[in-house]
Amino acid sequence: MKAIQVKQPGGPEALELVELPIPQPKANEAVVKLSAAGVNFIDVYYREGRYKASLPFILGQEGAGVVSAVGADVKSVKIGDRVAWTGLLGSYAEYAAVAADRLVPIPAGVSDREAAAAMLQGMTAHYLSHDTYPLKRGETALVHAAAGGVGLLQVQMAHHIGARVIATVSTDEKARLARDAGADDIILYTQADFEAETKRLTGGKGVDVVYDSVGKTTFEKGLNVLRPRGMMVLFGGSSGAVPPFDLIALSQKGSLYLTRPTLAHYTATREELVARSGAVFGMMAAGKLKLRIEHTYPLAEARQAHMDLEGRKTTGKLLLIP
């Protein structure tokens, strides 16, 4: 089979197209013939070596396809089932061996490509808006990178909850996408200071929560726009890591809350994984959650997909097609 392997951490050039044997399932695994693999910023972190993995490794944390083989102890899936997963390395390939208890069923009405596009970003948007800071009708959220893959889904979920969404984006085109997704107010951060604009839009009261996947360039100002006892949800670092931070600033700025969550801890049990993925797929099937799959790349073009993602040239979801 063909796969994208990282032999040494580095830039996009570290992604190598290689030929490997089709994996055989261990007792608790199923082998999935992939229909699509999601491309995410976490893949960049693994490729760069910011997140550690034993070398060499097959990149990719998200995929969907059809079960082609099962291990001796597997009862939860069978050959021919359509399944999806996230959180385990190995999806940039034609086949992947996956722990069966991390596979979730894809319901009728959701395609393999849609499932691959929704697992990481859809469940991330869901846990952020429903659990990390459970938004309520009438509350106000500031969503950074609102036209990105997670951002567009967050905006839609917050809109359906009945919260007010202030969205930051970089271009007029991205502003249109965020508005179409349900954002109430748009800040073009390339033209206006988002801290000043957010304070103006809230009459100086601040927002209840900031959902920040950008990190280094937005973190400090994001704290400044929170209401007293508001929450900063830092769940990514597309602009770089946040520098060391003195926690006493949280008291000085209004007894703020700060969390750095990750999807793994919000899908830690099979029950929660199945429930959360089912909720996301249910929203999709009901037409309440629209995915924007912006671009699909052949597996061999993984380098280009990473360059496009890191260049902030994209909106919505990128997929690799084996």
C-alpha atoms as a PDB file:
ATOM      1  CA  MET A   1       0.000   0.000   0.000  1.00  0.00           C
ATOM      2  CA  LYS A   2       0.971   3.627  -0.408  1.00  0.00           C
ATOM      3  CA  ALA A   3       1.432   5.760   2.698  1.00  0.00           C
ATOM      4  CA  ILE A   4       2.890   9.098   3.784  1.00  0.00           C
ATOM      5  CA  GLN A   5       5.699   8.528   6.248  1.00  0.00           C
ATOM      6  CA  VAL A   6       7.812  10.842   8.401  1.00  0.00           C
ATOM      7  CA  LYS A   7      11.347   9.531   8.896  1.00  0.00           C
ATOM      8  CA  GLN A   8      12.763  12.723  10.451  1.00  0.00           C
ATOM      9  CA  PRO A   9      10.790  15.726  11.787  1.00  0.00           C
ATOM     10  CA  GLY A  10      10.816  18.865   9.648  1.00  0.00           C
ATOM     11  CA  GLY A  11       8.885  20.943   7.155  1.00  0.00           C
ATOM     12  CA  PRO A  12       6.509  19.672   4.467  1.00  0.00           C
ATOM     13  CA  GLU A  13       9.498  18.054   2.745  1.00  0.00           C
ATOM     14  CA  ALA A  14       9.562  15.554   5.637  1.00  0.00           C
ATOM     15  CA  LEU A  15       6.457  13.917   4.165  1.00  0.00           C
ATOM     16  CA  GLU A  16       7.562  10.958   2.021  1.00  0.00           C
ATOM     17  CA  LEU A  17       5.362   8.791  -0.171  1.00  0.00           C
ATOM     18  CA  VAL A  18       6.394   5.186   0.525  1.00  0.00           C
ATOM     19  CA  GLU A  19       5.261   1.651  -0.303  1.00  0.00           C
ATOM     20  CA  LEU A  20       4.536  -0.543   2.740  1.00  0.00           C
ATOM     21  CA  PRO A  21       2.821  -3.886   3.395  1.00  0.00           C
ATOM     22  CA  ILE A  22      -0.905  -3.759   4.153  1.00  0.00           C
ATOM     23  CA  PRO A  23      -1.148  -4.006   7.957  1.00  0.00           C
ATOM     24  CA  GLN A  24      -2.519  -7.122   9.637  1.00  0.00           C
ATOM     25  CA  PRO A  25      -4.882  -6.590  12.572  1.00  0.00           C
ATOM     26  CA  LYS A  26      -3.880  -7.424  16.115  1.00  0.00           C
ATOM     27  CA  ALA A  27      -6.490  -9.168  18.217  1.00  0.00           C
ATOM     28  CA  ASN A  28      -8.194  -5.902  19.231  1.00  0.00           C
ATOM     29  CA  GLU A  29      -7.824  -4.102  15.884  1.00  0.00           C
ATOM     30  CA  ALA A  30      -9.659  -3.710  12.615  1.00  0.00           C
ATOM     31  CA  VAL A  31      -8.039  -2.865   9.305  1.00  0.00           C
ATOM     32  CA  VAL A  32      -9.780  -0.061   7.421  1.00  0.00           C
ATOM     33  CA  LYS A  33      -9.484   0.575   3.680  1.00  0.00           C
ATOM     34  CA  LEU A  34      -9.461   4.350   3.709  1.00  0.00           C
ATOM     35  CA  SER A  35     -11.803   6.452   1.596  1.00  0.00           C
ATOM     36  CA  ALA A  36     -10.460   9.744   2.941  1.00  0.00           C
ATOM     37  CA  ALA A  37      -8.069  11.124   5.552  1.00  0.00           C
ATOM     38  CA  GLY A  38      -8.444  14.493   7.249  1.00  0.00           C
ATOM     39  CA  VAL A  39      -5.618  17.035   7.237  1.00  0.00           C
ATOM     40  CA  ASN A  40      -5.321  18.935  10.530  1.00  0.00           C
ATOM     41  CA  PHE A  41      -2.930  21.243  12.374  1.00  0.00           C
ATOM     42  CA  ILE A  42      -2.117  18.446  14.798  1.00  0.00           C
ATOM     43  CA  ASP A  43      -0.514  16.681  11.818  1.00  0.00           C
ATOM     44  CA  VAL A  44       1.799  19.665  11.410  1.00  0.00           C
ATOM     45  CA  TYR A  45       2.763  19.440  15.091  1.00  0.00           C
ATOM     46  CA  TYR A  46       3.661  15.749  14.694  1.00  0.00           C
ATOM     47  CA  ARG A  47       5.539  16.404  11.456  1.00  0.00           C
ATOM     48  CA  GLU A  48       7.580  19.169  13.096  1.00  0.00           C
ATOM     49  CA  GLY A  49       8.342  17.024  16.143  1.00  0.00           C
ATOM     50  CA  ARG A  50       6.410  19.306  18.519  1.00  0.00           C
ATOM     51  CA  TYR A  51       4.334  16.222  19.349  1.00  0.00           C
ATOM     52  CA  LYS A  52       6.461  13.097  19.689  1.00  0.00           C
ATOM     53  CA  ALA A  53       6.040   9.781  17.885  1.00  0.00           C
ATOM     54  CA  SER A  54       8.426   6.869  17.339  1.00  0.00           C
ATOM     55  CA  LEU A  55      10.225   7.263  14.014  1.00  0.00           C
ATOM     56  CA  PRO A  56       9.419   6.449  11.295  1.00  0.00           C
ATOM     57  CA  PHE A  57       5.645   6.864  11.477  1.00  0.00           C
ATOM     58  CA  ILE A  58       2.672   7.247   9.160  1.00  0.00           C
ATOM     59  CA  LEU A  59       1.119  10.664   9.666  1.00  0.00           C
ATOM     60  CA  GLY A  60      -2.585  11.433   9.978  1.00  0.00           C
ATOM     61  CA  GLN A  61      -4.995  11.392  12.917  1.00  0.00           C
ATOM     62  CA  GLU A  62      -8.370  11.144  11.182  1.00  0.00           C
ATOM     63  CA  GLY A  63      -9.879   8.836   8.619  1.00  0.00           C
ATOM     64  CA  ALA A  64     -12.945   7.054   7.302  1.00  0.00           C
ATOM     65  CA  GLY A  65     -13.528   4.006   5.159  1.00  0.00           C
ATOM     66  CA  VAL A  66     -14.646   0.384   5.115  1.00  0.00           C
ATOM     67  CA  VAL A  67     -13.498  -2.401   7.433  1.00  0.00           C
ATOM     68  CA  SER A  68     -11.507  -4.970   5.433  1.00  0.00           C
ATOM     69  CA  ALA A  69     -10.281  -7.267   8.236  1.00  0.00           C
ATOM     70  CA  VAL A  70     -10.831  -7.730  11.974  1.00  0.00           C
ATOM     71  CA  GLY A  71      -8.788  -9.205  14.798  1.00  0.00           C
ATOM     72  CA  ALA A  72      -9.809 -12.268  16.762  1.00  0.00           C
ATOM     73  CA  ASP A  73     -11.235 -10.371  19.738  1.00  0.00           C
ATOM     74  CA  VAL A  74     -13.153  -7.701  17.843  1.00  0.00           C
ATOM     75  CA  LYS A  75     -16.926  -7.676  18.351  1.00  0.00           C
ATOM     76  CA  SER A  76     -17.845  -4.012  17.821  1.00  0.00           C
ATOM     77  CA  VAL A  77     -17.315  -3.899  14.032  1.00  0.00           C
ATOM     78  CA  LYS A  78     -17.348  -6.383  11.156  1.00  0.00           C
ATOM     79  CA  ILE A  79     -15.976  -6.585   7.628  1.00  0.00           C
ATOM     80  CA  GLY A  80     -17.906  -4.241   5.332  1.00  0.00           C
ATOM     81  CA  ASP A  81     -18.869  -1.701   8.033  1.00  0.00           C
ATOM     82  CA  ARG A  82     -18.396   1.981   7.240  1.00  0.00           C
ATOM     83  CA  VAL A  83     -16.415   3.509  10.089  1.00  0.00           C
ATOM     84  CA  ALA A  84     -14.479   6.628  11.071  1.00  0.00           C
ATOM     85  CA  TRP A  85     -11.942   7.525  13.734  1.00  0.00           C
ATOM     86  CA  THR A  86      -9.662  10.213  15.027  1.00  0.00           C
ATOM     87  CA  GLY A  87      -6.844  10.463  17.556  1.00  0.00           C
ATOM     88  CA  LEU A  88      -4.675   7.582  16.344  1.00  0.00           C
ATOM     89  CA  LEU A  89      -1.765   7.940  13.936  1.00  0.00           C
ATOM     90  CA  GLY A  90      -1.747   6.266  10.538  1.00  0.00           C
ATOM     91  CA  SER A  91      -4.522   7.684   8.344  1.00  0.00           C
ATOM     92  CA  TYR A  92      -2.316   9.092   5.547  1.00  0.00           C
ATOM     93  CA  ALA A  93      -2.387   5.682   3.862  1.00  0.00           C
ATOM     94  CA  GLU A  94      -4.481   3.330   1.765  1.00  0.00           C
ATOM     95  CA  TYR A  95      -5.040   1.026   4.755  1.00  0.00           C
ATOM     96  CA  ALA A  96      -4.749   1.485   8.528  1.00  0.00           C
ATOM     97  CA  ALA A  97      -4.952  -0.881  11.495  1.00  0.00           C
ATOM     98  CA  VAL A  98      -7.050   0.834  14.167  1.00  0.00           C
ATOM     99  CA  ALA A  99      -8.049  -0.163  17.694  1.00  0.00           C
ATOM    100  CA  ALA A 100     -11.620  -1.325  17.173  1.00  0.00           C
ATOM    101  CA  ASP A 101     -12.963   0.473  20.249  1.00  0.00           C
ATOM    102  CA  ARG A 102     -11.957   3.814  18.687  1.00  0.00           C
ATOM    103  CA  LEU A 103     -13.951   3.211  15.509  1.00  0.00           C
ATOM    104  CA  VAL A 104     -17.422   4.732  15.280  1.00  0.00           C
ATOM    105  CA  PRO A 105     -20.175   3.810  12.809  1.00  0.00           C
ATOM    106  CA  ILE A 106     -20.975   6.180   9.956  1.00  0.00           C
ATOM    107  CA  PRO A 107     -24.768   6.519   9.676  1.00  0.00           C
ATOM    108  CA  ALA A 108     -26.760   6.522   6.468  1.00  0.00           C
ATOM    109  CA  GLY A 109     -26.973  10.058   5.107  1.00  0.00           C
ATOM    110  CA  VAL A 110     -23.338  10.837   5.941  1.00  0.00           C
ATOM    111  CA  SER A 111     -20.699  10.036   3.303  1.00  0.00           C
ATOM    112  CA  ASP A 112     -17.241   8.638   4.062  1.00  0.00           C
ATOM    113  CA  ARG A 113     -15.675  11.938   3.039  1.00  0.00           C
ATOM    114  CA  GLU A 114     -18.041  13.911   5.255  1.00  0.00           C
ATOM    115  CA  ALA A 115     -17.277  11.583   8.162  1.00  0.00           C
ATOM    116  CA  ALA A 116     -13.529  11.976   7.673  1.00  0.00           C
ATOM    117  CA  ALA A 117     -14.002  15.740   7.555  1.00  0.00           C
ATOM    118  CA  ALA A 118     -16.128  15.866  10.711  1.00  0.00           C
ATOM    119  CA  MET A 119     -14.450  13.570  13.212  1.00  0.00           C
ATOM    120  CA  LEU A 120     -11.685  15.779  14.604  1.00  0.00           C
ATOM    121  CA  GLN A 121     -13.037  19.232  13.830  1.00  0.00           C
ATOM    122  CA  GLY A 122     -16.704  18.403  14.381  1.00  0.00           C
ATOM    123  CA  MET A 123     -16.153  16.702  17.727  1.00  0.00           C
ATOM    124  CA  THR A 124     -13.738  19.483  18.725  1.00  0.00           C
ATOM    125  CA  ALA A 125     -16.364  22.145  17.997  1.00  0.00           C
ATOM    126  CA  HIS A 126     -18.900  20.045  19.909  1.00  0.00           C
ATOM    127  CA  TYR A 127     -16.890  19.560  23.108  1.00  0.00           C
ATOM    128  CA  LEU A 128     -15.759  23.203  23.116  1.00  0.00           C
ATOM    129  CA  SER A 129     -19.288  24.603  22.848  1.00  0.00           C
ATOM    130  CA  HIS A 130     -21.135  21.908  24.828  1.00  0.00           C
ATOM    131  CA  ASP A 131     -18.688  20.885  27.575  1.00  0.00           C
ATOM    132  CA  THR A 132     -15.508  22.965  28.014  1.00  0.00           C
ATOM    133  CA  TYR A 133     -17.584  26.134  28.188  1.00  0.00           C
ATOM    134  CA  PRO A 134     -21.205  25.067  27.693  1.00  0.00           C
ATOM    135  CA  LEU A 135     -22.659  27.995  25.815  1.00  0.00           C
ATOM    136  CA  LYS A 136     -26.131  29.181  26.725  1.00  0.00           C
ATOM    137  CA  ARG A 137     -28.684  31.199  24.813  1.00  0.00           C
ATOM    138  CA  GLY A 138     -27.953  34.897  25.183  1.00  0.00           C
ATOM    139  CA  GLU A 139     -24.252  34.509  26.018  1.00  0.00           C
ATOM    140  CA  THR A 140     -21.495  35.966  23.836  1.00  0.00           C
ATOM    141  CA  ALA A 141     -18.543  34.065  22.420  1.00  0.00           C
ATOM    142  CA  LEU A 142     -15.494  35.371  20.583  1.00  0.00           C
ATOM    143  CA  VAL A 143     -14.394  32.815  17.979  1.00  0.00           C
ATOM    144  CA  HIS A 144     -10.966  33.266  16.430  1.00  0.00           C
ATOM    145  CA  ALA A 145     -10.190  31.817  12.985  1.00  0.00           C
ATOM    146  CA  ALA A 146     -13.942  31.640  12.473  1.00  0.00           C
ATOM    147  CA  ALA A 147     -13.653  30.645   8.809  1.00  0.00           C
ATOM    148  CA  GLY A 148     -11.326  27.735   9.535  1.00  0.00           C
ATOM    149  CA  GLY A 149     -12.377  24.116   9.773  1.00  0.00           C
ATOM    150  CA  VAL A 150     -13.255  24.135  13.481  1.00  0.00           C
ATOM    151  CA  GLY A 151     -14.296  27.786  13.425  1.00  0.00           C
ATOM    152  CA  LEU A 152     -17.097  27.398  10.881  1.00  0.00           C
ATOM    153  CA  LEU A 153     -18.515  24.458  12.842  1.00  0.00           C
ATOM    154  CA  GLN A 154     -18.210  26.317  16.165  1.00  0.00           C
ATOM    155  CA  VAL A 155     -20.056  29.301  14.744  1.00  0.00           C
ATOM    156  CA  GLN A 156     -22.895  27.079  13.516  1.00  0.00           C
ATOM    157  CA  MET A 157     -23.215  25.243  16.832  1.00  0.00           C
ATOM    158  CA  ALA A 158     -23.137  28.476  18.842  1.00  0.00           C
ATOM    159  CA  HIS A 159     -25.745  29.990  16.521  1.00  0.00           C
ATOM    160  CA  HIS A 160     -28.098  27.017  17.000  1.00  0.00           C
ATOM    161  CA  ILE A 161     -27.662  27.276  20.786  1.00  0.00           C
ATOM    162  CA  GLY A 162     -28.744  30.920  20.553  1.00  0.00           C
ATOM    163  CA  ALA A 163     -25.473  32.538  21.607  1.00  0.00           C
ATOM    164  CA  ARG A 164     -24.108  35.719  20.072  1.00  0.00           C
ATOM    165  CA  VAL A 165     -20.966  35.073  18.033  1.00  0.00           C
ATOM    166  CA  ILE A 166     -18.247  37.646  17.420  1.00  0.00           C
ATOM    167  CA  ALA A 167     -15.987  36.194  14.754  1.00  0.00           C
ATOM    168  CA  THR A 168     -12.454  37.222  13.798  1.00  0.00           C
ATOM    169  CA  VAL A 169     -11.261  36.591  10.246  1.00  0.00           C
ATOM    170  CA  SER A 170      -8.532  37.896   7.949  1.00  0.00           C
ATOM    171  CA  THR A 171     -10.308  38.596   4.636  1.00  0.00           C
ATOM    172  CA  ASP A 172     -13.651  39.718   3.222  1.00  0.00           C
ATOM    173  CA  GLU A 173     -14.176  36.267   1.712  1.00  0.00           C
ATOM    174  CA  LYS A 174     -13.666  34.623   5.105  1.00  0.00           C
ATOM    175  CA  ALA A 175     -15.988  37.219   6.638  1.00  0.00           C
ATOM    176  CA  ARG A 176     -18.730  36.136   4.232  1.00  0.00           C
ATOM    177  CA  LEU A 177     -18.244  32.491   5.168  1.00  0.00           C
ATOM    178  CA  ALA A 178     -18.425  33.252   8.894  1.00  0.00           C
ATOM    179  CA  ARG A 179     -21.517  35.393   8.384  1.00  0.00           C
ATOM    180  CA  ASP A 180     -23.201  32.636   6.369  1.00  0.00           C
ATOM    181  CA  ALA A 181     -22.412  30.186   9.190  1.00  0.00           C
ATOM    182  CA  GLY A 182     -24.303  32.389  11.660  1.00  0.00           C
ATOM    183  CA  ALA A 183     -21.813  34.880  13.099  1.00  0.00           C
ATOM    184  CA  ASP A 184     -23.513  37.995  14.447  1.00  0.00           C
ATOM    185  CA  ASP A 185     -20.509  40.332  14.279  1.00  0.00           C
ATOM    186  CA  ILE A 186     -17.354  40.122  12.165  1.00  0.00           C
ATOM    187  CA  ILE A 187     -13.966  41.621  12.979  1.00  0.00           C
ATOM    188  CA  LEU A 188     -11.414  41.793  10.175  1.00  0.00           C
ATOM    189  CA  TYR A 189      -8.321  41.587  12.365  1.00  0.00           C
ATOM    190  CA  THR A 190      -6.133  42.685   9.439  1.00  0.00           C
ATOM    191  CA  GLN A 191      -7.949  46.030   9.416  1.00  0.00           C
ATOM    192  CA  ALA A 192      -9.004  46.589  13.022  1.00  0.00           C
ATOM    193  CA  ASP A 193      -7.715  45.757  16.498  1.00  0.00           C
ATOM    194  CA  PHE A 194      -9.899  42.878  17.692  1.00  0.00           C
ATOM    195  CA  GLU A 195      -9.498  43.866  21.359  1.00  0.00           C
ATOM    196  CA  ALA A 196     -10.815  47.374  20.798  1.00  0.00           C
ATOM    197  CA  GLU A 197     -13.575  46.158  18.470  1.00  0.00           C
ATOM    198  CA  THR A 198     -14.734  43.429  20.856  1.00  0.00           C
ATOM    199  CA  LYS A 199     -14.927  45.910  23.728  1.00  0.00           C
ATOM    200  CA  ARG A 200     -16.901  48.285  21.505  1.00  0.00           C
ATOM    201  CA  LEU A 201     -19.294  45.555  20.358  1.00  0.00           C
ATOM    202  CA  THR A 202     -19.971  44.469  23.947  1.00  0.00           C
ATOM    203  CA  GLY A 203     -20.279  47.965  25.357  1.00  0.00           C
ATOM    204  CA  GLY A 204     -17.173  47.370  27.448  1.00  0.00           C
ATOM    205  CA  LYS A 205     -18.701  44.364  29.247  1.00  0.00           C
ATOM    206  CA  GLY A 206     -16.562  41.743  27.509  1.00  0.00           C
ATOM    207  CA  VAL A 207     -17.448  38.287  26.251  1.00  0.00           C
ATOM    208  CA  ASP A 208     -18.321  35.186  28.260  1.00  0.00           C
ATOM    209  CA  VAL A 209     -15.794  32.981  26.473  1.00  0.00           C
ATOM    210  CA  VAL A 210     -12.962  33.196  23.947  1.00  0.00           C
ATOM    211  CA  TYR A 211     -12.341  30.154  21.762  1.00  0.00           C
ATOM    212  CA  ASP A 212      -8.741  30.566  20.599  1.00  0.00           C
ATOM    213  CA  SER A 213      -6.973  28.213  18.189  1.00  0.00           C
ATOM    214  CA  VAL A 214      -4.441  30.856  17.115  1.00  0.00           C
ATOM    215  CA  GLY A 215      -2.357  31.178  20.275  1.00  0.00           C
ATOM    216  CA  LYS A 216       0.700  33.400  20.316  1.00  0.00           C
ATOM    217  CA  THR A 217      -0.655  36.442  18.455  1.00  0.00           C
ATOM    218  CA  THR A 218      -4.133  36.522  20.037  1.00  0.00           C
ATOM    219  CA  PHE A 219      -3.786  35.173  23.575  1.00  0.00           C
ATOM    220  CA  GLU A 220      -2.937  38.311  25.582  1.00  0.00           C
ATOM    221  CA  LYS A 221      -5.563  40.502  23.936  1.00  0.00           C
ATOM    222  CA  GLY A 222      -8.065  37.682  24.222  1.00  0.00           C
ATOM    223  CA  LEU A 223      -7.734  37.753  28.008  1.00  0.00           C
ATOM    224  CA  ASN A 224      -8.426  41.482  27.925  1.00  0.00           C
ATOM    225  CA  VAL A 225     -11.841  41.071  26.273  1.00  0.00           C
ATOM    226  CA  LEU A 226     -13.240  38.577  28.773  1.00  0.00           C
ATOM    227  CA  ARG A 227     -15.833  39.594  31.330  1.00  0.00           C
ATOM    228  CA  PRO A 228     -14.941  38.995  34.994  1.00  0.00           C
ATOM    229  CA  ARG A 229     -14.897  35.209  35.599  1.00  0.00           C
ATOM    230  CA  GLY A 230     -15.001  34.578  31.859  1.00  0.00           C
ATOM    231  CA  MET A 231     -13.137  31.692  30.279  1.00  0.00           C
ATOM    232  CA  MET A 232     -10.223  31.574  27.840  1.00  0.00           C
ATOM    233  CA  VAL A 233     -10.348  28.291  25.930  1.00  0.00           C
ATOM    234  CA  LEU A 234      -6.978  27.891  24.229  1.00  0.00           C
ATOM    235  CA  PHE A 235      -7.192  24.825  22.005  1.00  0.00           C
ATOM    236  CA  GLY A 236      -4.539  25.447  19.353  1.00  0.00           C
ATOM    237  CA  GLY A 237      -1.532  27.474  18.322  1.00  0.00           C
ATOM    238  CA  SER A 238      -1.580  28.142  14.591  1.00  0.00           C
ATOM    239  CA  SER A 239       0.498  31.327  15.111  1.00  0.00           C
ATOM    240  CA  GLY A 240       2.885  29.635  17.534  1.00  0.00           C
ATOM    241  CA  ALA A 241       2.971  28.606  21.175  1.00  0.00           C
ATOM    242  CA  VAL A 242       1.876  31.016  23.895  1.00  0.00           C
ATOM    243  CA  PRO A 243       4.927  32.238  25.881  1.00  0.00           C
ATOM    244  CA  PRO A 244       5.313  31.350  29.574  1.00  0.00           C
ATOM    245  CA  PHE A 245       2.508  33.026  31.490  1.00  0.00           C
ATOM    246  CA  ASP A 246       2.206  34.272  35.084  1.00  0.00           C
ATOM    247  CA  LEU A 247      -1.127  33.011  36.398  1.00  0.00           C
ATOM    248  CA  ILE A 248      -1.551  36.004  38.717  1.00  0.00           C
ATOM    249  CA  ALA A 249      -2.614  37.941  35.601  1.00  0.00           C
ATOM    250  CA  LEU A 250      -5.848  35.915  35.639  1.00  0.00           C
ATOM    251  CA  SER A 251      -6.805  37.482  38.980  1.00  0.00           C
ATOM    252  CA  GLN A 252      -5.759  40.950  37.866  1.00  0.00           C
ATOM    253  CA  LYS A 253      -7.937  40.716  34.742  1.00  0.00           C
ATOM    254  CA  GLY A 254     -11.063  39.579  36.577  1.00  0.00           C
ATOM    255  CA  SER A 255     -10.584  36.129  38.181  1.00  0.00           C
ATOM    256  CA  LEU A 256     -10.546  34.563  34.737  1.00  0.00           C
ATOM    257  CA  TYR A 257     -10.553  30.891  33.891  1.00  0.00           C
ATOM    258  CA  LEU A 258      -7.980  29.438  31.498  1.00  0.00           C
ATOM    259  CA  THR A 259      -8.038  25.935  30.036  1.00  0.00           C
ATOM    260  CA  ARG A 260      -6.012  24.108  27.407  1.00  0.00           C
ATOM    261  CA  PRO A 261      -8.255  21.199  26.407  1.00  0.00           C
ATOM    262  CA  THR A 262      -7.721  18.435  23.895  1.00  0.00           C
ATOM    263  CA  LEU A 263     -10.215  16.175  22.147  1.00  0.00           C
ATOM    264  CA  ALA A 264      -8.693  12.992  23.591  1.00  0.00           C
ATOM    265  CA  HIS A 265      -9.869  13.893  27.085  1.00  0.00           C
ATOM    266  CA  TYR A 266     -13.403  14.589  25.833  1.00  0.00           C
ATOM    267  CA  THR A 267     -13.664  11.227  24.042  1.00  0.00           C
ATOM    268  CA  ALA A 268     -11.743   9.218  26.639  1.00  0.00           C
ATOM    269  CA  THR A 269     -14.341   6.455  27.016  1.00  0.00           C
ATOM    270  CA  ARG A 270     -15.986   4.563  24.175  1.00  0.00           C
ATOM    271  CA  GLU A 271     -19.382   5.700  25.455  1.00  0.00           C
ATOM    272  CA  GLU A 272     -18.426   9.377  25.213  1.00  0.00           C
ATOM    273  CA  LEU A 273     -16.755   8.867  21.828  1.00  0.00           C
ATOM    274  CA  VAL A 274     -19.835   7.197  20.347  1.00  0.00           C
ATOM    275  CA  ALA A 275     -22.191   9.751  21.896  1.00  0.00           C
ATOM    276  CA  ARG A 276     -20.169  12.759  20.715  1.00  0.00           C
ATOM    277  CA  SER A 277     -19.600  11.473  17.188  1.00  0.00           C
ATOM    278  CA  GLY A 278     -23.257  10.470  17.015  1.00  0.00           C
ATOM    279  CA  ALA A 279     -24.325  13.975  18.045  1.00  0.00           C
ATOM    280  CA  VAL A 280     -22.156  15.527  15.329  1.00  0.00           C
ATOM    281  CA  PHE A 281     -23.305  13.081  12.643  1.00  0.00           C
ATOM    282  CA  GLY A 282     -26.900  13.669  13.764  1.00  0.00           C
ATOM    283  CA  MET A 283     -26.525  17.424  13.287  1.00  0.00           C
ATOM    284  CA  MET A 284     -25.093  16.792   9.837  1.00  0.00           C
ATOM    285  CA  ALA A 285     -27.859  14.401   8.785  1.00  0.00           C
ATOM    286  CA  ALA A 286     -30.485  16.881  10.034  1.00  0.00           C
ATOM    287  CA  GLY A 287     -28.946  19.739   8.036  1.00  0.00           C
ATOM    288  CA  LYS A 288     -28.018  21.703  11.166  1.00  0.00           C
ATOM    289  CA  LEU A 289     -24.281  21.389  10.535  1.00  0.00           C
ATOM    290  CA  LYS A 290     -22.871  22.089   7.099  1.00  0.00           C
ATOM    291  CA  LEU A 291     -19.323  21.035   6.338  1.00  0.00           C
ATOM    292  CA  ARG A 292     -17.125  23.003   4.006  1.00  0.00           C
ATOM    293  CA  ILE A 293     -14.771  20.544   2.348  1.00  0.00           C
ATOM    294  CA  GLU A 294     -12.659  23.089   0.541  1.00  0.00           C
ATOM    295  CA  HIS A 295     -10.160  20.895  -1.216  1.00  0.00           C
ATOM    296  CA  THR A 296      -9.295  17.252  -1.747  1.00  0.00           C
ATOM    297  CA  TYR A 297      -5.772  16.162  -2.638  1.00  0.00           C
ATOM    298  CA  PRO A 298      -4.458  12.828  -3.878  1.00  0.00           C
ATOM    299  CA  LEU A 299      -2.480  11.101  -1.123  1.00  0.00           C
ATOM    300  CA  ALA A 300       0.757  11.821  -3.007  1.00  0.00           C
ATOM    301  CA  GLU A 301       0.128  15.581  -2.656  1.00  0.00           C
ATOM    302  CA  ALA A 302       0.266  15.610   1.160  1.00  0.00           C
ATOM    303  CA  ARG A 303       3.122  18.123   1.090  1.00  0.00           C
ATOM    304  CA  GLN A 304       0.997  20.604  -0.849  1.00  0.00           C
ATOM    305  CA  ALA A 305      -1.893  20.116   1.562  1.00  0.00           C
ATOM    306  CA  HIS A 306       0.392  20.972   4.483  1.00  0.00           C
ATOM    307  CA  MET A 307       1.798  24.036   2.714  1.00  0.00           C
ATOM    308  CA  ASP A 308      -1.715  25.293   1.996  1.00  0.00           C
ATOM    309  CA  LEU A 309      -2.833  24.679   5.580  1.00  0.00           C
ATOM    310  CA  GLU A 310       0.178  26.398   7.144  1.00  0.00           C
ATOM    311  CA  GLY A 311      -0.026  29.284   4.673  1.00  0.00           C
ATOM    312  CA  ARG A 312      -3.469  30.170   6.099  1.00  0.00           C
ATOM    313  CA  LYS A 313      -4.743  29.943   2.508  1.00  0.00           C
ATOM    314  CA  THR A 314      -7.606  27.634   3.357  1.00  0.00           C
ATOM    315  CA  THR A 315     -11.099  27.789   4.770  1.00  0.00           C
ATOM    316  CA  GLY A 316     -12.973  24.713   5.854  1.00  0.00           C
ATOM    317  CA  LYS A 317     -11.627  21.188   5.564  1.00  0.00           C
ATOM    318  CA  LEU A 318      -8.796  19.578   3.604  1.00  0.00           C
ATOM    319  CA  LEU A 319      -8.858  15.868   2.751  1.00  0.00           C
ATOM    320  CA  LEU A 320      -6.367  13.405   1.319  1.00  0.00           C
ATOM    321  CA  ILE A 321      -7.841  10.761  -0.964  1.00  0.00           C
ATOM    322  CA  PRO A 322      -5.837   7.491  -1.163  1.00  0.00           C
END
